[in-house]
Amino acid sequence: MDANEGPDLLSPAWWDAAVEAWNASGHTAHLARFGTAVFRLSDAPAPGIWMHWDSHGRVERRPGGRRDDPDFSATRQDWIDFFAGRFGYGMGVLRFKIRFRGPVRRVLPYTRGINAFARVCRSLL
């Protein structure tokens, strides 16, 4: 998979494509009621991308969120590896490839859903 095809990985255009792919995937229930989270590149000055999953698991980009919303950050290469399926969310956090700040109790039940989101987005790499 070439991370240089299509929209630039983790750019707003890439996230817009991820929103479309996820909402059409049939897997939205995995992240129903997840709420809002921010995804950041730790090795680039780009602002974080705020995403919100509703009560049905449909996602949309948002301009911001709350300070206590889950905050995920990783290097560009670690995000590529995660979305490519080289490691799952749980192992990414345990290996410090994905850094997480926020309420663990809010995210833990959605580990499978976050991995499902990555699988759906794999086609966008």
PDB file of N, CA and C in Angstrom:
ATOM      1  N   MET A   1       0.836  -1.173   0.000  1.00  0.00           N
ATOM      2  CA  MET A   1       0.000   0.000   0.000  1.00  0.00           C
ATOM      3  C   MET A   1       0.873   1.225   0.000  1.00  0.00           C
ATOM      4  N   ASP A   2       0.568   2.157  -0.846  1.00  0.00           N
ATOM      5  CA  ASP A   2       1.351   3.361  -0.953  1.00  0.00           C
ATOM      6  C   ASP A   2       0.636   4.487  -0.221  1.00  0.00           C
ATOM      7  N   ALA A   3       1.266   4.995   0.827  1.00  0.00           N
ATOM      8  CA  ALA A   3       0.666   6.055   1.628  1.00  0.00           C
ATOM      9  C   ALA A   3       0.677   7.385   0.894  1.00  0.00           C
ATOM     10  N   ASN A   4       1.218   7.437  -0.322  1.00  0.00           N
ATOM     11  CA  ASN A   4       1.271   8.684  -1.060  1.00  0.00           C
ATOM     12  C   ASN A   4       0.145   8.806  -2.082  1.00  0.00           C
ATOM     13  N   GLU A   5      -0.703   7.800  -2.239  1.00  0.00           N
ATOM     14  CA  GLU A   5      -1.820   7.862  -3.162  1.00  0.00           C
ATOM     15  C   GLU A   5      -3.021   8.487  -2.461  1.00  0.00           C
ATOM     16  N   GLY A   6      -3.841   9.178  -3.225  1.00  0.00           N
ATOM     17  CA  GLY A   6      -5.038   9.772  -2.653  1.00  0.00           C
ATOM     18  C   GLY A   6      -4.695  10.956  -1.769  1.00  0.00           C
ATOM     19  N   PRO A   7      -5.650  11.380  -0.942  1.00  0.00           N
ATOM     20  CA  PRO A   7      -5.392  12.522  -0.066  1.00  0.00           C
ATOM     21  C   PRO A   7      -4.221  12.239   0.872  1.00  0.00           C
ATOM     22  N   ASP A   8      -3.483  13.268   1.216  1.00  0.00           N
ATOM     23  CA  ASP A   8      -2.354  13.144   2.129  1.00  0.00           C
ATOM     24  C   ASP A   8      -2.834  12.554   3.454  1.00  0.00           C
ATOM     25  N   LEU A   9      -2.159  11.490   3.881  1.00  0.00           N
ATOM     26  CA  LEU A   9      -2.561  10.792   5.099  1.00  0.00           C
ATOM     27  C   LEU A   9      -2.702  11.756   6.275  1.00  0.00           C
ATOM     28  N   LEU A  10      -3.832  11.657   6.938  1.00  0.00           N
ATOM     29  CA  LEU A  10      -4.192  12.423   8.116  1.00  0.00           C
ATOM     30  C   LEU A  10      -4.421  13.903   7.846  1.00  0.00           C
ATOM     31  N   SER A  11      -4.507  14.283   6.580  1.00  0.00           N
ATOM     32  CA  SER A  11      -4.894  15.650   6.233  1.00  0.00           C
ATOM     33  C   SER A  11      -6.411  15.761   6.405  1.00  0.00           C
ATOM     34  N   PRO A  12      -6.944  16.978   6.454  1.00  0.00           N
ATOM     35  CA  PRO A  12      -8.410  17.100   6.521  1.00  0.00           C
ATOM     36  C   PRO A  12      -9.115  16.363   5.384  1.00  0.00           C
ATOM     37  N   ALA A  13      -8.554  16.387   4.181  1.00  0.00           N
ATOM     38  CA  ALA A  13      -9.176  15.667   3.051  1.00  0.00           C
ATOM     39  C   ALA A  13      -9.168  14.161   3.293  1.00  0.00           C
ATOM     40  N   TRP A  14      -8.086  13.645   3.877  1.00  0.00           N
ATOM     41  CA  TRP A  14      -8.013  12.213   4.191  1.00  0.00           C
ATOM     42  C   TRP A  14      -9.085  11.858   5.212  1.00  0.00           C
ATOM     43  N   TRP A  15      -9.230  12.682   6.256  1.00  0.00           N
ATOM     44  CA  TRP A  15     -10.240  12.411   7.272  1.00  0.00           C
ATOM     45  C   TRP A  15     -11.648  12.499   6.680  1.00  0.00           C
ATOM     46  N   ASP A  16     -11.859  13.430   5.743  1.00  0.00           N
ATOM     47  CA  ASP A  16     -13.176  13.495   5.082  1.00  0.00           C
ATOM     48  C   ASP A  16     -13.462  12.197   4.336  1.00  0.00           C
ATOM     49  N   ALA A  17     -12.439  11.644   3.665  1.00  0.00           N
ATOM     50  CA  ALA A  17     -12.602  10.356   2.979  1.00  0.00           C
ATOM     51  C   ALA A  17     -12.851   9.241   3.991  1.00  0.00           C
ATOM     52  N   ALA A  18     -12.190   9.323   5.154  1.00  0.00           N
ATOM     53  CA  ALA A  18     -12.399   8.325   6.212  1.00  0.00           C
ATOM     54  C   ALA A  18     -13.832   8.386   6.733  1.00  0.00           C
ATOM     55  N   VAL A  19     -14.367   9.591   6.878  1.00  0.00           N
ATOM     56  CA  VAL A  19     -15.759   9.760   7.314  1.00  0.00           C
ATOM     57  C   VAL A  19     -16.698   9.067   6.331  1.00  0.00           C
ATOM     58  N   GLU A  20     -16.512   9.334   5.051  1.00  0.00           N
ATOM     59  CA  GLU A  20     -17.362   8.706   4.028  1.00  0.00           C
ATOM     60  C   GLU A  20     -17.256   7.185   4.063  1.00  0.00           C
ATOM     61  N   ALA A  21     -16.028   6.687   4.131  1.00  0.00           N
ATOM     62  CA  ALA A  21     -15.812   5.232   4.141  1.00  0.00           C
ATOM     63  C   ALA A  21     -16.454   4.591   5.363  1.00  0.00           C
ATOM     64  N   TRP A  22     -16.258   5.177   6.529  1.00  0.00           N
ATOM     65  CA  TRP A  22     -16.810   4.614   7.763  1.00  0.00           C
ATOM     66  C   TRP A  22     -18.337   4.625   7.740  1.00  0.00           C
ATOM     67  N   ASN A  23     -18.913   5.744   7.383  1.00  0.00           N
ATOM     68  CA  ASN A  23     -20.374   5.852   7.415  1.00  0.00           C
ATOM     69  C   ASN A  23     -21.048   4.921   6.411  1.00  0.00           C
ATOM     70  N   ALA A  24     -20.335   4.513   5.372  1.00  0.00           N
ATOM     71  CA  ALA A  24     -20.873   3.594   4.364  1.00  0.00           C
ATOM     72  C   ALA A  24     -20.483   2.143   4.635  1.00  0.00           C
ATOM     73  N   SER A  25     -19.722   1.900   5.692  1.00  0.00           N
ATOM     74  CA  SER A  25     -19.104   0.586   5.902  1.00  0.00           C
ATOM     75  C   SER A  25     -20.018  -0.498   6.449  1.00  0.00           C
ATOM     76  N   GLY A  26     -21.062  -0.131   7.146  1.00  0.00           N
ATOM     77  CA  GLY A  26     -21.876  -1.144   7.809  1.00  0.00           C
ATOM     78  C   GLY A  26     -21.325  -1.546   9.171  1.00  0.00           C
ATOM     79  N   HIS A  27     -20.235  -0.932   9.590  1.00  0.00           N
ATOM     80  CA  HIS A  27     -19.622  -1.241  10.885  1.00  0.00           C
ATOM     81  C   HIS A  27     -19.832  -0.140  11.922  1.00  0.00           C
ATOM     82  N   THR A  28     -20.680   0.819  11.619  1.00  0.00           N
ATOM     83  CA  THR A  28     -20.794   1.997  12.469  1.00  0.00           C
ATOM     84  C   THR A  28     -21.205   1.677  13.902  1.00  0.00           C
ATOM     85  N   ALA A  29     -21.964   0.615  14.118  1.00  0.00           N
ATOM     86  CA  ALA A  29     -22.424   0.273  15.468  1.00  0.00           C
ATOM     87  C   ALA A  29     -21.256   0.042  16.428  1.00  0.00           C
ATOM     88  N   HIS A  30     -20.085  -0.326  15.902  1.00  0.00           N
ATOM     89  CA  HIS A  30     -18.919  -0.557  16.763  1.00  0.00           C
ATOM     90  C   HIS A  30     -18.518   0.688  17.554  1.00  0.00           C
ATOM     91  N   LEU A  31     -18.814   1.863  17.017  1.00  0.00           N
ATOM     92  CA  LEU A  31     -18.421   3.104  17.697  1.00  0.00           C
ATOM     93  C   LEU A  31     -19.631   3.959  18.083  1.00  0.00           C
ATOM     94  N   ALA A  32     -20.809   3.313  18.195  1.00  0.00           N
ATOM     95  CA  ALA A  32     -22.004   4.043  18.612  1.00  0.00           C
ATOM     96  C   ALA A  32     -21.794   4.644  20.000  1.00  0.00           C
ATOM     97  N   ARG A  33     -22.102   5.908  20.121  1.00  0.00           N
ATOM     98  CA  ARG A  33     -21.999   6.677  21.375  1.00  0.00           C
ATOM     99  C   ARG A  33     -20.559   6.892  21.847  1.00  0.00           C
ATOM    100  N   PHE A  34     -19.579   6.692  20.964  1.00  0.00           N
ATOM    101  CA  PHE A  34     -18.182   6.939  21.360  1.00  0.00           C
ATOM    102  C   PHE A  34     -17.971   8.403  21.704  1.00  0.00           C
ATOM    103  N   GLY A  35     -18.608   9.287  20.979  1.00  0.00           N
ATOM    104  CA  GLY A  35     -18.462  10.710  21.257  1.00  0.00           C
ATOM    105  C   GLY A  35     -17.332  11.332  20.449  1.00  0.00           C
ATOM    106  N   THR A  36     -16.685  12.319  21.033  1.00  0.00           N
ATOM    107  CA  THR A  36     -15.691  13.119  20.332  1.00  0.00           C
ATOM    108  C   THR A  36     -14.282  12.745  20.766  1.00  0.00           C
ATOM    109  N   ALA A  37     -13.369  12.748  19.814  1.00  0.00           N
ATOM    110  CA  ALA A  37     -11.953  12.485  20.089  1.00  0.00           C
ATOM    111  C   ALA A  37     -11.125  13.306  19.104  1.00  0.00           C
ATOM    112  N   VAL A  38      -9.891  13.567  19.488  1.00  0.00           N
ATOM    113  CA  VAL A  38      -8.979  14.290  18.600  1.00  0.00           C
ATOM    114  C   VAL A  38      -7.816  13.369  18.230  1.00  0.00           C
ATOM    115  N   PHE A  39      -7.398  13.454  16.979  1.00  0.00           N
ATOM    116  CA  PHE A  39      -6.287  12.662  16.449  1.00  0.00           C
ATOM    117  C   PHE A  39      -5.206  13.635  15.998  1.00  0.00           C
ATOM    118  N   ARG A  40      -3.974  13.403  16.474  1.00  0.00           N
ATOM    119  CA  ARG A  40      -2.880  14.328  16.188  1.00  0.00           C
ATOM    120  C   ARG A  40      -1.666  13.614  15.617  1.00  0.00           C
ATOM    121  N   LEU A  41      -0.889  14.370  14.843  1.00  0.00           N
ATOM    122  CA  LEU A  41       0.431  13.930  14.407  1.00  0.00           C
ATOM    123  C   LEU A  41       1.430  14.500  15.405  1.00  0.00           C
ATOM    124  N   SER A  42       2.194  13.641  16.058  1.00  0.00           N
ATOM    125  CA  SER A  42       3.137  14.126  17.072  1.00  0.00           C
ATOM    126  C   SER A  42       4.422  14.661  16.460  1.00  0.00           C
ATOM    127  N   ASP A  43       4.666  14.383  15.188  1.00  0.00           N
ATOM    128  CA  ASP A  43       5.902  14.830  14.546  1.00  0.00           C
ATOM    129  C   ASP A  43       5.656  15.868  13.458  1.00  0.00           C
ATOM    130  N   ALA A  44       4.529  16.568  13.540  1.00  0.00           N
ATOM    131  CA  ALA A  44       4.213  17.607  12.566  1.00  0.00           C
ATOM    132  C   ALA A  44       3.418  18.713  13.260  1.00  0.00           C
ATOM    133  N   PRO A  45       3.538  19.925  12.775  1.00  0.00           N
ATOM    134  CA  PRO A  45       2.842  21.045  13.422  1.00  0.00           C
ATOM    135  C   PRO A  45       1.354  21.139  13.082  1.00  0.00           C
ATOM    136  N   ALA A  46       0.835  20.209  12.298  1.00  0.00           N
ATOM    137  CA  ALA A  46      -0.573  20.264  11.895  1.00  0.00           C
ATOM    138  C   ALA A  46      -1.492  20.208  13.113  1.00  0.00           C
ATOM    139  N   PRO A  47      -2.602  20.949  13.062  1.00  0.00           N
ATOM    140  CA  PRO A  47      -3.561  20.879  14.174  1.00  0.00           C
ATOM    141  C   PRO A  47      -4.232  19.510  14.212  1.00  0.00           C
ATOM    142  N   GLY A  48      -4.741  19.153  15.360  1.00  0.00           N
ATOM    143  CA  GLY A  48      -5.449  17.891  15.496  1.00  0.00           C
ATOM    144  C   GLY A  48      -6.749  17.901  14.711  1.00  0.00           C
ATOM    145  N   ILE A  49      -7.231  16.719  14.403  1.00  0.00           N
ATOM    146  CA  ILE A  49      -8.505  16.553  13.703  1.00  0.00           C
ATOM    147  C   ILE A  49      -9.505  16.004  14.716  1.00  0.00           C
ATOM    148  N   TRP A  50     -10.585  16.733  14.908  1.00  0.00           N
ATOM    149  CA  TRP A  50     -11.629  16.332  15.853  1.00  0.00           C
ATOM    150  C   TRP A  50     -12.705  15.555  15.109  1.00  0.00           C
ATOM    151  N   MET A  51     -13.037  14.393  15.663  1.00  0.00           N
ATOM    152  CA  MET A  51     -14.053  13.531  15.072  1.00  0.00           C
ATOM    153  C   MET A  51     -15.122  13.263  16.136  1.00  0.00           C
ATOM    154  N   HIS A  52     -16.373  13.145  15.690  1.00  0.00           N
ATOM    155  CA  HIS A  52     -17.474  12.848  16.613  1.00  0.00           C
ATOM    156  C   HIS A  52     -18.315  11.696  16.069  1.00  0.00           C
ATOM    157  N   TRP A  53     -18.465  10.658  16.890  1.00  0.00           N
ATOM    158  CA  TRP A  53     -19.319   9.513  16.569  1.00  0.00           C
ATOM    159  C   TRP A  53     -20.626   9.684  17.329  1.00  0.00           C
ATOM    160  N   ASP A  54     -21.751   9.592  16.632  1.00  0.00           N
ATOM    161  CA  ASP A  54     -23.055   9.805  17.265  1.00  0.00           C
ATOM    162  C   ASP A  54     -23.599   8.516  17.881  1.00  0.00           C
ATOM    163  N   SER A  55     -24.869   8.541  18.277  1.00  0.00           N
ATOM    164  CA  SER A  55     -25.469   7.391  18.955  1.00  0.00           C
ATOM    165  C   SER A  55     -25.602   6.170  18.054  1.00  0.00           C
ATOM    166  N   HIS A  56     -25.471   6.349  16.754  1.00  0.00           N
ATOM    167  CA  HIS A  56     -25.521   5.229  15.805  1.00  0.00           C
ATOM    168  C   HIS A  56     -24.133   4.846  15.300  1.00  0.00           C
ATOM    169  N   GLY A  57     -23.111   5.583  15.718  1.00  0.00           N
ATOM    170  CA  GLY A  57     -21.748   5.300  15.290  1.00  0.00           C
ATOM    171  C   GLY A  57     -21.352   5.998  14.004  1.00  0.00           C
ATOM    172  N   ARG A  58     -22.252   6.816  13.469  1.00  0.00           N
ATOM    173  CA  ARG A  58     -21.879   7.610  12.288  1.00  0.00           C
ATOM    174  C   ARG A  58     -20.937   8.715  12.751  1.00  0.00           C
ATOM    175  N   VAL A  59     -19.960   9.019  11.909  1.00  0.00           N
ATOM    176  CA  VAL A  59     -18.926   9.966  12.305  1.00  0.00           C
ATOM    177  C   VAL A  59     -18.979  11.222  11.451  1.00  0.00           C
ATOM    178  N   GLU A  60     -18.551  12.320  12.035  1.00  0.00           N
ATOM    179  CA  GLU A  60     -18.383  13.578  11.310  1.00  0.00           C
ATOM    180  C   GLU A  60     -17.194  14.317  11.906  1.00  0.00           C
ATOM    181  N   ARG A  61     -16.537  15.131  11.062  1.00  0.00           N
ATOM    182  CA  ARG A  61     -15.466  15.976  11.587  1.00  0.00           C
ATOM    183  C   ARG A  61     -16.098  17.164  12.292  1.00  0.00           C
ATOM    184  N   ARG A  62     -15.423  17.622  13.348  1.00  0.00           N
ATOM    185  CA  ARG A  62     -15.880  18.781  14.096  1.00  0.00           C
ATOM    186  C   ARG A  62     -14.737  19.779  14.213  1.00  0.00           C
ATOM    187  N   PRO A  63     -15.060  21.042  14.439  1.00  0.00           N
ATOM    188  CA  PRO A  63     -13.990  22.036  14.561  1.00  0.00           C
ATOM    189  C   PRO A  63     -13.238  21.971  15.889  1.00  0.00           C
ATOM    190  N   GLY A  64     -13.769  21.277  16.862  1.00  0.00           N
ATOM    191  CA  GLY A  64     -13.106  21.183  18.164  1.00  0.00           C
ATOM    192  C   GLY A  64     -13.895  20.298  19.092  1.00  0.00           C
ATOM    193  N   GLY A  65     -13.451  20.241  20.327  1.00  0.00           N
ATOM    194  CA  GLY A  65     -14.111  19.412  21.327  1.00  0.00           C
ATOM    195  C   GLY A  65     -13.808  19.937  22.718  1.00  0.00           C
ATOM    196  N   ARG A  66     -13.971  19.089  23.705  1.00  0.00           N
ATOM    197  CA  ARG A  66     -13.713  19.463  25.096  1.00  0.00           C
ATOM    198  C   ARG A  66     -12.317  19.018  25.512  1.00  0.00           C
ATOM    199  N   ARG A  67     -11.803  19.647  26.531  1.00  0.00           N
ATOM    200  CA  ARG A  67     -10.461  19.311  27.021  1.00  0.00           C
ATOM    201  C   ARG A  67     -10.362  17.879  27.530  1.00  0.00           C
ATOM    202  N   ASP A  68     -11.471  17.313  27.993  1.00  0.00           N
ATOM    203  CA  ASP A  68     -11.432  15.948  28.527  1.00  0.00           C
ATOM    204  C   ASP A  68     -11.796  14.890  27.492  1.00  0.00           C
ATOM    205  N   ASP A  69     -11.949  15.290  26.232  1.00  0.00           N
ATOM    206  CA  ASP A  69     -12.194  14.299  25.176  1.00  0.00           C
ATOM    207  C   ASP A  69     -10.928  13.482  24.942  1.00  0.00           C
ATOM    208  N   PRO A  70     -11.068  12.222  24.545  1.00  0.00           N
ATOM    209  CA  PRO A  70      -9.891  11.406  24.250  1.00  0.00           C
ATOM    210  C   PRO A  70      -8.992  12.079  23.214  1.00  0.00           C
ATOM    211  N   ASP A  71      -7.703  11.994  23.453  1.00  0.00           N
ATOM    212  CA  ASP A  71      -6.696  12.641  22.613  1.00  0.00           C
ATOM    213  C   ASP A  71      -5.675  11.587  22.210  1.00  0.00           C
ATOM    214  N   PHE A  72      -5.631  11.274  20.912  1.00  0.00           N
ATOM    215  CA  PHE A  72      -4.728  10.258  20.382  1.00  0.00           C
ATOM    216  C   PHE A  72      -3.647  10.950  19.558  1.00  0.00           C
ATOM    217  N   SER A  73      -2.390  10.582  19.777  1.00  0.00           N
ATOM    218  CA  SER A  73      -1.316  11.147  18.957  1.00  0.00           C
ATOM    219  C   SER A  73      -0.299  10.059  18.642  1.00  0.00           C
ATOM    220  N   ALA A  74       0.313  10.209  17.474  1.00  0.00           N
ATOM    221  CA  ALA A  74       1.339   9.273  17.026  1.00  0.00           C
ATOM    222  C   ALA A  74       2.129   9.957  15.920  1.00  0.00           C
ATOM    223  N   THR A  75       3.290   9.411  15.635  1.00  0.00           N
ATOM    224  CA  THR A  75       4.048   9.917  14.492  1.00  0.00           C
ATOM    225  C   THR A  75       3.313   9.531  13.214  1.00  0.00           C
ATOM    226  N   ARG A  76       3.652  10.188  12.147  1.00  0.00           N
ATOM    227  CA  ARG A  76       3.044   9.860  10.852  1.00  0.00           C
ATOM    228  C   ARG A  76       3.263   8.388  10.525  1.00  0.00           C
ATOM    229  N   GLN A  77       4.490   7.889  10.712  1.00  0.00           N
ATOM    230  CA  GLN A  77       4.772   6.488  10.389  1.00  0.00           C
ATOM    231  C   GLN A  77       3.978   5.536  11.277  1.00  0.00           C
ATOM    232  N   ASP A  78       3.847   5.852  12.564  1.00  0.00           N
ATOM    233  CA  ASP A  78       3.068   4.981  13.449  1.00  0.00           C
ATOM    234  C   ASP A  78       1.587   4.987  13.070  1.00  0.00           C
ATOM    235  N   TRP A  79       1.036   6.134  12.635  1.00  0.00           N
ATOM    236  CA  TRP A  79      -0.348   6.141  12.157  1.00  0.00           C
ATOM    237  C   TRP A  79      -0.472   5.292  10.891  1.00  0.00           C
ATOM    238  N   ILE A  80       0.487   5.416   9.982  1.00  0.00           N
ATOM    239  CA  ILE A  80       0.458   4.596   8.764  1.00  0.00           C
ATOM    240  C   ILE A  80       0.462   3.117   9.145  1.00  0.00           C
ATOM    241  N   ASP A  81       1.351   2.736  10.060  1.00  0.00           N
ATOM    242  CA  ASP A  81       1.434   1.338  10.488  1.00  0.00           C
ATOM    243  C   ASP A  81       0.135   0.874  11.143  1.00  0.00           C
ATOM    244  N   PHE A  82      -0.478   1.732  11.950  1.00  0.00           N
ATOM    245  CA  PHE A  82      -1.748   1.387  12.602  1.00  0.00           C
ATOM    246  C   PHE A  82      -2.847   1.184  11.561  1.00  0.00           C
ATOM    247  N   PHE A  83      -3.021   2.156  10.670  1.00  0.00           N
ATOM    248  CA  PHE A  83      -4.078   2.037   9.669  1.00  0.00           C
ATOM    249  C   PHE A  83      -3.801   0.910   8.684  1.00  0.00           C
ATOM    250  N   ALA A  84      -2.533   0.568   8.481  1.00  0.00           N
ATOM    251  CA  ALA A  84      -2.177  -0.544   7.587  1.00  0.00           C
ATOM    252  C   ALA A  84      -2.379  -1.900   8.257  1.00  0.00           C
ATOM    253  N   GLY A  85      -2.664  -1.909   9.561  1.00  0.00           N
ATOM    254  CA  GLY A  85      -2.920  -3.162  10.264  1.00  0.00           C
ATOM    255  C   GLY A  85      -1.681  -3.827  10.827  1.00  0.00           C
ATOM    256  N   ARG A  86      -0.573  -3.120  10.914  1.00  0.00           N
ATOM    257  CA  ARG A  86       0.664  -3.707  11.448  1.00  0.00           C
ATOM    258  C   ARG A  86       0.594  -3.884  12.965  1.00  0.00           C
ATOM    259  N   PHE A  87      -0.283  -3.143  13.611  1.00  0.00           N
ATOM    260  CA  PHE A  87      -0.592  -3.350  15.033  1.00  0.00           C
ATOM    261  C   PHE A  87      -1.970  -2.768  15.297  1.00  0.00           C
ATOM    262  N   GLY A  88      -2.631  -3.289  16.322  1.00  0.00           N
ATOM    263  CA  GLY A  88      -3.946  -2.807  16.704  1.00  0.00           C
ATOM    264  C   GLY A  88      -3.852  -1.683  17.714  1.00  0.00           C
ATOM    265  N   TYR A  89      -4.994  -1.110  18.030  1.00  0.00           N
ATOM    266  CA  TYR A  89      -5.035   0.023  18.949  1.00  0.00           C
ATOM    267  C   TYR A  89      -4.445  -0.330  20.314  1.00  0.00           C
ATOM    268  N   GLY A  90      -4.864  -1.446  20.892  1.00  0.00           N
ATOM    269  CA  GLY A  90      -4.377  -1.824  22.226  1.00  0.00           C
ATOM    270  C   GLY A  90      -2.871  -1.980  22.264  1.00  0.00           C
ATOM    271  N   MET A  91      -2.317  -2.688  21.291  1.00  0.00           N
ATOM    272  CA  MET A  91      -0.864  -2.870  21.253  1.00  0.00           C
ATOM    273  C   MET A  91      -0.162  -1.553  20.956  1.00  0.00           C
ATOM    274  N   GLY A  92      -0.767  -0.714  20.155  1.00  0.00           N
ATOM    275  CA  GLY A  92      -0.173   0.590  19.863  1.00  0.00           C
ATOM    276  C   GLY A  92      -0.015   1.428  21.111  1.00  0.00           C
ATOM    277  N   VAL A  93      -1.024   1.401  21.981  1.00  0.00           N
ATOM    278  CA  VAL A  93      -0.944   2.148  23.234  1.00  0.00           C
ATOM    279  C   VAL A  93       0.065   1.496  24.176  1.00  0.00           C
ATOM    280  N   LEU A  94       0.014   0.170  24.292  1.00  0.00           N
ATOM    281  CA  LEU A  94       0.946  -0.519  25.196  1.00  0.00           C
ATOM    282  C   LEU A  94       2.399  -0.355  24.772  1.00  0.00           C
ATOM    283  N   ARG A  95       2.644  -0.252  23.468  1.00  0.00           N
ATOM    284  CA  ARG A  95       4.012  -0.091  22.951  1.00  0.00           C
ATOM    285  C   ARG A  95       4.408   1.379  22.802  1.00  0.00           C
ATOM    286  N   PHE A  96       3.534   2.282  23.235  1.00  0.00           N
ATOM    287  CA  PHE A  96       3.770   3.733  23.158  1.00  0.00           C
ATOM    288  C   PHE A  96       3.915   4.227  21.725  1.00  0.00           C
ATOM    289  N   LYS A  97       3.300   3.523  20.786  1.00  0.00           N
ATOM    290  CA  LYS A  97       3.281   3.992  19.404  1.00  0.00           C
ATOM    291  C   LYS A  97       2.127   4.970  19.205  1.00  0.00           C
ATOM    292  N   ILE A  98       1.038   4.748  19.931  1.00  0.00           N
ATOM    293  CA  ILE A  98      -0.081   5.683  19.968  1.00  0.00           C
ATOM    294  C   ILE A  98      -0.156   6.194  21.400  1.00  0.00           C
ATOM    295  N   ARG A  99      -0.029   7.489  21.541  1.00  0.00           N
ATOM    296  CA  ARG A  99      -0.158   8.074  22.863  1.00  0.00           C
ATOM    297  C   ARG A  99      -1.604   8.487  23.074  1.00  0.00           C
ATOM    298  N   PHE A 100      -2.082   8.250  24.269  1.00  0.00           N
ATOM    299  CA  PHE A 100      -3.474   8.511  24.595  1.00  0.00           C
ATOM    300  C   PHE A 100      -3.545   9.351  25.862  1.00  0.00           C
ATOM    301  N   ARG A 101      -4.362  10.396  25.808  1.00  0.00           N
ATOM    302  CA  ARG A 101      -4.687  11.177  27.005  1.00  0.00           C
ATOM    303  C   ARG A 101      -6.202  11.264  27.086  1.00  0.00           C
ATOM    304  N   GLY A 102      -6.699  11.124  28.283  1.00  0.00           N
ATOM    305  CA  GLY A 102      -8.141  11.231  28.469  1.00  0.00           C
ATOM    306  C   GLY A 102      -8.653  10.117  29.359  1.00  0.00           C
ATOM    307  N   PRO A 103      -9.968  10.044  29.478  1.00  0.00           N
ATOM    308  CA  PRO A 103     -10.588   9.045  30.354  1.00  0.00           C
ATOM    309  C   PRO A 103     -10.520   7.633  29.757  1.00  0.00           C
ATOM    310  N   VAL A 104      -9.730   6.783  30.370  1.00  0.00           N
ATOM    311  CA  VAL A 104      -9.550   5.408  29.897  1.00  0.00           C
ATOM    312  C   VAL A 104     -10.879   4.670  29.880  1.00  0.00           C
ATOM    313  N   ARG A 105     -11.710   4.868  30.902  1.00  0.00           N
ATOM    314  CA  ARG A 105     -13.002   4.160  30.963  1.00  0.00           C
ATOM    315  C   ARG A 105     -13.888   4.494  29.775  1.00  0.00           C
ATOM    316  N   ARG A 106     -13.695   5.656  29.199  1.00  0.00           N
ATOM    317  CA  ARG A 106     -14.516   6.047  28.052  1.00  0.00           C
ATOM    318  C   ARG A 106     -14.044   5.368  26.765  1.00  0.00           C
ATOM    319  N   VAL A 107     -12.765   5.035  26.676  1.00  0.00           N
ATOM    320  CA  VAL A 107     -12.200   4.485  25.451  1.00  0.00           C
ATOM    321  C   VAL A 107     -12.123   2.963  25.469  1.00  0.00           C
ATOM    322  N   LEU A 108     -11.851   2.378  26.608  1.00  0.00           N
ATOM    323  CA  LEU A 108     -11.620   0.943  26.703  1.00  0.00           C
ATOM    324  C   LEU A 108     -12.713   0.090  26.060  1.00  0.00           C
ATOM    325  N   PRO A 109     -13.995   0.387  26.260  1.00  0.00           N
ATOM    326  CA  PRO A 109     -15.023  -0.450  25.624  1.00  0.00           C
ATOM    327  C   PRO A 109     -15.040  -0.362  24.097  1.00  0.00           C
ATOM    328  N   TYR A 110     -14.336   0.604  23.536  1.00  0.00           N
ATOM    329  CA  TYR A 110     -14.371   0.833  22.094  1.00  0.00           C
ATOM    330  C   TYR A 110     -13.100   0.378  21.374  1.00  0.00           C
ATOM    331  N   THR A 111     -12.264  -0.393  22.036  1.00  0.00           N
ATOM    332  CA  THR A 111     -11.011  -0.842  21.417  1.00  0.00           C
ATOM    333  C   THR A 111     -11.277  -1.572  20.104  1.00  0.00           C
ATOM    334  N   ARG A 112     -12.227  -2.483  20.092  1.00  0.00           N
ATOM    335  CA  ARG A 112     -12.558  -3.205  18.848  1.00  0.00           C
ATOM    336  C   ARG A 112     -13.087  -2.252  17.785  1.00  0.00           C
ATOM    337  N   GLY A 113     -13.874  -1.276  18.213  1.00  0.00           N
ATOM    338  CA  GLY A 113     -14.414  -0.300  17.271  1.00  0.00           C
ATOM    339  C   GLY A 113     -13.330   0.555  16.642  1.00  0.00           C
ATOM    340  N   ILE A 114     -12.340   0.940  17.430  1.00  0.00           N
ATOM    341  CA  ILE A 114     -11.226   1.742  16.899  1.00  0.00           C
ATOM    342  C   ILE A 114     -10.445   0.907  15.884  1.00  0.00           C
ATOM    343  N   ASN A 115     -10.256  -0.371  16.180  1.00  0.00           N
ATOM    344  CA  ASN A 115      -9.593  -1.263  15.215  1.00  0.00           C
ATOM    345  C   ASN A 115     -10.433  -1.438  13.957  1.00  0.00           C
ATOM    346  N   ALA A 116     -11.753  -1.512  14.106  1.00  0.00           N
ATOM    347  CA  ALA A 116     -12.635  -1.621  12.940  1.00  0.00           C
ATOM    348  C   ALA A 116     -12.540  -0.358  12.088  1.00  0.00           C
ATOM    349  N   PHE A 117     -12.467   0.795  12.727  1.00  0.00           N
ATOM    350  CA  PHE A 117     -12.303   2.049  12.002  1.00  0.00           C
ATOM    351  C   PHE A 117     -11.012   2.019  11.183  1.00  0.00           C
ATOM    352  N   ALA A 118      -9.940   1.527  11.790  1.00  0.00           N
ATOM    353  CA  ALA A 118      -8.657   1.431  11.080  1.00  0.00           C
ATOM    354  C   ALA A 118      -8.777   0.497   9.870  1.00  0.00           C
ATOM    355  N   ARG A 119      -9.462  -0.641  10.039  1.00  0.00           N
ATOM    356  CA  ARG A 119      -9.620  -1.585   8.920  1.00  0.00           C
ATOM    357  C   ARG A 119     -10.375  -0.932   7.758  1.00  0.00           C
ATOM    358  N   VAL A 120     -11.424  -0.184   8.082  1.00  0.00           N
ATOM    359  CA  VAL A 120     -12.200   0.488   7.040  1.00  0.00           C
ATOM    360  C   VAL A 120     -11.332   1.528   6.325  1.00  0.00           C
ATOM    361  N   CYS A 121     -10.513   2.235   7.083  1.00  0.00           N
ATOM    362  CA  CYS A 121      -9.669   3.290   6.505  1.00  0.00           C
ATOM    363  C   CYS A 121      -8.461   2.750   5.759  1.00  0.00           C
ATOM    364  N   ARG A 122      -8.179   1.469   5.895  1.00  0.00           N
ATOM    365  CA  ARG A 122      -7.013   0.871   5.251  1.00  0.00           C
ATOM    366  C   ARG A 122      -7.018   1.089   3.738  1.00  0.00           C
ATOM    367  N   SER A 123      -8.185   1.086   3.161  1.00  0.00           N
ATOM    368  CA  SER A 123      -8.275   1.275   1.713  1.00  0.00           C
ATOM    369  C   SER A 123      -7.881   2.689   1.285  1.00  0.00           C
ATOM    370  N   LEU A 124      -7.779   3.602   2.231  1.00  0.00           N
ATOM    371  CA  LEU A 124      -7.429   4.993   1.920  1.00  0.00           C
ATOM    372  C   LEU A 124      -5.939   5.247   1.956  1.00  0.00           C
ATOM    373  N   LEU A 125      -5.159   4.231   2.327  1.00  0.00           N
ATOM    374  CA  LEU A 125      -3.709   4.416   2.375  1.00  0.00           C
ATOM    375  C   LEU A 125      -3.118   4.458   0.981  1.00  0.00           C
TER     376      LEU A 125
END
